[in-house]
Amino acid sequence: MSKRNKLHVRSGDQVHVIAGNYKGARGQVLRAIPSKHQIVVEGVNMRKRHQAPTQANPEGGIITFEAPIHVSNVMLIDPSSDEPTRYRNRIDADGTKERISTKSGNPIPRP
């Protein structure tokens, strides 16, 4: 029996890093990796790698990229108050799920 890995953020969300070397940084979630409970955040956990020349990149050299961080190290940002928040799920009368900020009570739109 396989367990479904569910993350509290999704691609396109604005997040605030609450732990680790990049604590206090904000950015957009570029990619989610649910099987490893990790996400890639824009401008966070930057790494450098030596790249051999390829047809796509004939120069080669050193490339800089964002490495994944654990999803427990980030909090979702409430767009109305611009502060990190937890959220609740609310199911509307028509059956659609909606994320509601616990601090402000306002809905958090889908990215």
Protein backbone atom coordinates (compact mmCIF):
# COMPACT_ATOMS: atom_id res chain seq x y z
CA MET A 1 0.00 0.00 0.00
CA SER A 2 1.55 3.29 -1.08
CA LYS A 3 1.31 6.43 1.02
CA ARG A 4 0.44 9.68 -0.71
CA ASN A 5 2.96 12.42 0.00
CA LYS A 6 1.18 15.73 0.42
CA LEU A 7 2.90 19.10 0.83
CA HIS A 8 1.46 22.23 2.43
CA VAL A 9 2.77 24.43 -0.41
CA ARG A 10 2.60 24.09 -4.18
CA SER A 11 4.43 25.51 -7.18
CA GLY A 12 3.89 29.25 -7.54
CA ASP A 13 3.24 29.94 -3.83
CA GLN A 14 5.15 32.71 -2.06
CA VAL A 15 6.97 31.31 0.98
CA HIS A 16 9.09 32.54 3.90
CA VAL A 17 12.08 30.42 5.01
CA ILE A 18 11.88 29.89 8.79
CA ALA A 19 14.94 27.67 9.40
CA GLY A 20 18.37 26.92 8.01
CA ASN A 21 21.09 28.99 6.36
CA TYR A 22 18.58 31.05 4.37
CA LYS A 23 16.33 31.88 7.35
CA GLY A 24 14.33 35.05 6.69
CA ALA A 25 14.49 34.76 2.91
CA ARG A 26 11.35 34.95 0.78
CA GLY A 27 10.74 33.51 -2.63
CA GLN A 28 8.45 31.72 -5.00
CA VAL A 29 8.22 27.92 -5.08
CA LEU A 30 9.62 26.87 -8.46
CA ARG A 31 9.22 23.11 -8.10
CA ALA A 32 7.80 20.65 -5.58
CA ILE A 33 9.22 17.16 -4.99
CA PRO A 34 6.53 15.41 -2.88
CA SER A 35 8.29 12.03 -2.81
CA LYS A 36 11.23 13.59 -0.90
CA HIS A 37 9.20 16.25 0.99
CA GLN A 38 11.32 18.94 -0.66
CA ILE A 39 10.75 22.13 -2.64
CA VAL A 40 12.90 24.43 -4.75
CA VAL A 41 12.55 28.11 -3.82
CA GLU A 42 13.69 30.95 -6.09
CA GLY A 43 16.96 32.48 -4.81
CA VAL A 44 17.27 30.11 -1.83
CA ASN A 45 19.93 27.42 -1.24
CA MET A 46 22.07 28.48 -4.20
CA ARG A 47 24.72 25.97 -5.28
CA LYS A 48 27.50 26.02 -7.87
CA ARG A 49 28.41 23.16 -10.14
CA HIS A 50 31.17 22.73 -12.72
CA GLN A 51 29.59 21.97 -16.09
CA ALA A 52 31.46 20.35 -18.97
CA PRO A 53 30.73 21.85 -22.40
CA THR A 54 27.66 20.38 -24.11
CA GLN A 55 25.76 21.16 -27.30
CA ALA A 56 23.21 23.12 -25.28
CA ASN A 57 25.93 25.00 -23.36
CA PRO A 58 29.10 25.05 -25.51
CA GLU A 59 30.93 27.32 -23.06
CA GLY A 60 30.57 25.01 -20.07
CA GLY A 61 31.96 26.59 -16.89
CA ILE A 62 30.42 27.08 -13.47
CA ILE A 63 26.63 27.20 -13.27
CA THR A 64 24.61 28.44 -10.28
CA PHE A 65 21.28 26.81 -9.43
CA GLU A 66 18.75 26.47 -6.61
CA ALA A 67 18.98 23.20 -4.68
CA PRO A 68 15.94 21.71 -2.91
CA ILE A 69 15.19 22.42 0.76
CA HIS A 70 12.89 20.53 3.12
CA VAL A 71 9.29 21.68 3.06
CA SER A 72 9.18 21.93 6.89
CA ASN A 73 11.60 24.87 6.70
CA VAL A 74 9.12 27.20 4.97
CA MET A 75 5.81 28.88 5.75
CA LEU A 76 3.21 30.09 3.30
CA ILE A 77 2.87 33.89 2.97
CA ASP A 78 -0.61 35.40 3.29
CA PRO A 79 -0.96 37.83 0.34
CA SER A 80 -3.33 40.17 2.21
CA SER A 81 -1.09 40.76 5.26
CA ASP A 82 2.25 39.80 3.60
CA GLU A 83 3.18 37.73 6.68
CA PRO A 84 3.93 34.01 7.13
CA THR A 85 0.86 32.06 8.18
CA ARG A 86 -0.61 28.63 8.62
CA TYR A 87 -3.81 27.84 6.80
CA ARG A 88 -7.01 25.86 7.07
CA ASN A 89 -8.93 24.17 4.28
CA ARG A 90 -12.54 25.14 3.71
CA ILE A 91 -14.86 23.34 1.33
CA ASP A 92 -17.37 25.70 -0.29
CA ALA A 93 -20.99 24.84 -1.04
CA ASP A 94 -20.11 24.00 -4.64
CA GLY A 95 -17.45 21.51 -3.45
CA THR A 96 -14.30 23.53 -4.23
CA LYS A 97 -11.48 23.53 -1.69
CA GLU A 98 -10.11 26.86 -0.53
CA ARG A 99 -7.09 27.68 1.66
CA ILE A 100 -7.92 30.13 4.47
CA SER A 101 -5.21 32.03 6.40
CA THR A 102 -5.39 31.41 10.16
CA LYS A 103 -4.08 34.93 10.96
CA SER A 104 -6.30 37.08 8.76
CA GLY A 105 -9.12 34.69 7.85
CA ASN A 106 -8.77 35.69 4.19
CA PRO A 107 -8.57 33.11 1.40
CA ILE A 108 -5.18 32.36 -0.14
CA PRO A 109 -5.61 32.17 -3.92
CA ARG A 110 -4.28 29.31 -5.99
CA PRO A 111 -1.10 30.24 -7.85
